[in-house]
Protein backbone atom coordinates (compact mmCIF):
# COMPACT_ATOMS: atom_id res chain seq x y z
CA UNK A 1 9.40 -4.19 4.14
CA UNK A 2 10.05 -1.91 6.95
CA UNK A 3 10.12 1.88 7.16
CA UNK A 4 13.20 3.89 8.21
CA UNK A 5 13.21 7.22 9.97
CA UNK A 6 16.40 8.99 9.76
CA UNK A 7 16.99 10.41 13.14
CA UNK A 8 19.73 8.76 15.19
CA UNK A 9 18.61 8.11 18.84
CA UNK A 10 20.01 10.59 21.42
CA UNK A 11 22.39 8.49 23.70
CA UNK A 12 26.03 8.43 24.51
CA UNK A 13 28.50 7.71 21.73
CA UNK A 14 28.33 4.19 20.25
CA UNK A 15 30.40 2.32 17.92
CA UNK A 16 27.55 2.64 15.37
CA UNK A 17 24.70 5.24 15.34
CA UNK A 18 21.39 3.76 15.70
CA UNK A 19 18.60 4.66 13.69
CA UNK A 20 14.78 4.42 14.31
CA UNK A 21 13.25 1.32 12.29
CA UNK A 22 9.97 -0.11 11.84
CA UNK A 23 9.99 -3.70 10.24
CA UNK A 24 9.10 -7.40 10.95
CA UNK A 25 11.87 -9.55 12.45
CA UNK A 26 12.03 -13.24 12.79
CA UNK A 27 14.15 -14.73 15.54
CA UNK A 28 15.20 -18.39 15.50
CA UNK A 29 17.20 -20.56 17.94
CA UNK A 30 17.54 -24.06 19.15
CA UNK A 31 16.18 -25.05 22.51
CA UNK A 32 15.93 -28.43 23.95
CA UNK A 33 16.86 -30.05 20.46
CA UNK A 34 13.97 -28.20 18.62
CA UNK A 35 14.11 -25.13 16.41
CA UNK A 36 12.13 -22.14 17.91
CA UNK A 37 10.70 -19.22 16.23
CA UNK A 38 9.86 -15.84 17.67
CA UNK A 39 8.26 -12.96 15.71
CA UNK A 40 8.64 -9.31 16.43
CA UNK A 41 9.07 -5.73 15.40
CA UNK A 42 12.55 -4.07 14.97
CA UNK A 43 12.53 -0.58 16.44
CA UNK A 44 16.16 0.62 15.97
CA UNK A 45 19.00 -0.59 13.41
CA UNK A 46 22.72 0.08 13.16
CA UNK A 47 25.50 -1.42 11.18
CA UNK A 48 26.24 -3.25 14.46
CA UNK A 49 22.82 -4.59 15.35
CA UNK A 50 19.08 -4.06 15.89
CA UNK A 51 16.68 -3.44 18.72
CA UNK A 52 13.37 -5.44 18.73
CA UNK A 53 10.28 -6.26 20.55
CA UNK A 54 9.84 -9.91 20.24
CA UNK A 55 6.96 -12.51 21.53
CA UNK A 56 9.26 -14.34 23.85
CA UNK A 57 12.13 -14.04 26.36
CA UNK A 58 15.82 -14.51 25.25
CA UNK A 59 18.66 -14.76 27.56
CA UNK A 60 21.70 -12.27 27.30
CA UNK A 61 24.64 -13.69 25.43
CA UNK A 62 22.34 -16.22 23.82
CA UNK A 63 23.25 -16.80 19.99
CA UNK A 64 20.25 -16.56 17.72
CA UNK A 65 19.63 -16.15 13.85
CA UNK A 66 17.52 -13.06 12.88
CA UNK A 67 15.78 -12.24 9.61
CA UNK A 68 14.66 -8.98 8.52
CA UNK A 69 14.12 -6.73 5.31
CA UNK A 70 15.74 -3.58 4.45
CA UNK A 71 15.09 -1.00 1.71
CA UNK A 72 15.80 -2.09 -1.69
CA UNK A 73 17.61 -5.30 -0.77
CA UNK A 74 16.89 -8.06 -2.96
CA UNK A 75 16.63 -10.75 -0.34
CA UNK A 76 15.84 -10.62 3.45
CA UNK A 77 18.84 -10.11 5.62
CA UNK A 78 19.85 -13.38 7.65
CA UNK A 79 22.60 -12.76 10.39
CA UNK A 80 23.60 -14.62 13.42
CA UNK A 81 23.33 -12.37 16.62
CA UNK A 82 24.02 -12.27 20.22
CA UNK A 83 21.28 -11.11 22.69
CA UNK A 84 22.88 -8.06 24.24
CA UNK A 85 20.16 -7.27 26.73
CA UNK A 86 16.41 -8.04 27.59
CA UNK A 87 14.00 -5.76 29.26
CA UNK A 88 10.73 -7.68 29.14
CA UNK A 89 9.77 -8.21 25.37
CA UNK A 90 12.46 -5.74 24.37
CA UNK A 91 15.80 -7.07 23.20
CA UNK A 92 19.00 -5.84 21.72
CA UNK A 93 20.78 -7.95 19.18
CA UNK A 94 24.64 -7.54 18.06
CA UNK A 95 25.45 -8.96 14.68
CA UNK A 96 27.93 -11.69 14.88
CA UNK A 97 30.28 -11.75 11.86
CA UNK A 98 27.73 -10.53 9.31
CA UNK A 99 27.92 -11.63 5.59
CA UNK A 100 29.45 -8.55 3.83
CA UNK A 101 26.62 -8.56 1.31
CA UNK A 102 24.07 -8.19 4.14
CA UNK A 103 26.11 -5.70 6.02
CA UNK A 104 26.46 -3.62 2.69
CA UNK A 105 22.56 -3.76 2.16
CA UNK A 106 22.16 -2.35 5.64
CA UNK A 107 24.74 0.32 5.01
CA UNK A 108 23.12 1.30 1.70
CA UNK A 109 19.60 1.62 3.17
CA UNK A 110 21.10 3.78 6.05
CA UNK A 111 23.02 6.12 3.64
CA UNK A 112 19.79 6.41 1.35
CA UNK A 113 17.55 7.36 4.22
CA UNK A 114 20.18 10.03 5.54
CA UNK A 115 20.71 11.44 2.04
CA UNK A 116 16.89 11.84 1.75
CA UNK A 117 16.70 13.48 5.01
CA UNK A 118 19.33 15.91 4.29
CA UNK A 119 17.89 16.77 0.75
């Protein structure tokens, strides 16, 4: 399971604040009638998406499925996402209509981390 650090990145205002995150991510997508898998590491997370380094190259606007774990969630989070950017092996993924249960698990994890940091 990944480890979260509770300091939002210092960038211009975003729809959702991003937090540093270190955890495994699995990216799956279809190409040439075959299912492809890429492994990687998440480095940021928010309620709207994740940033990750993966072992392949994905195109902006490509739709993929991502799987990762968050603290105290009973199952892995599985969400469809759109590739928002790529810079080498670094990619940004925006969640597409996330399942409310998964989104709540992400929110709960972010709130727990924030509460521990302010305690």
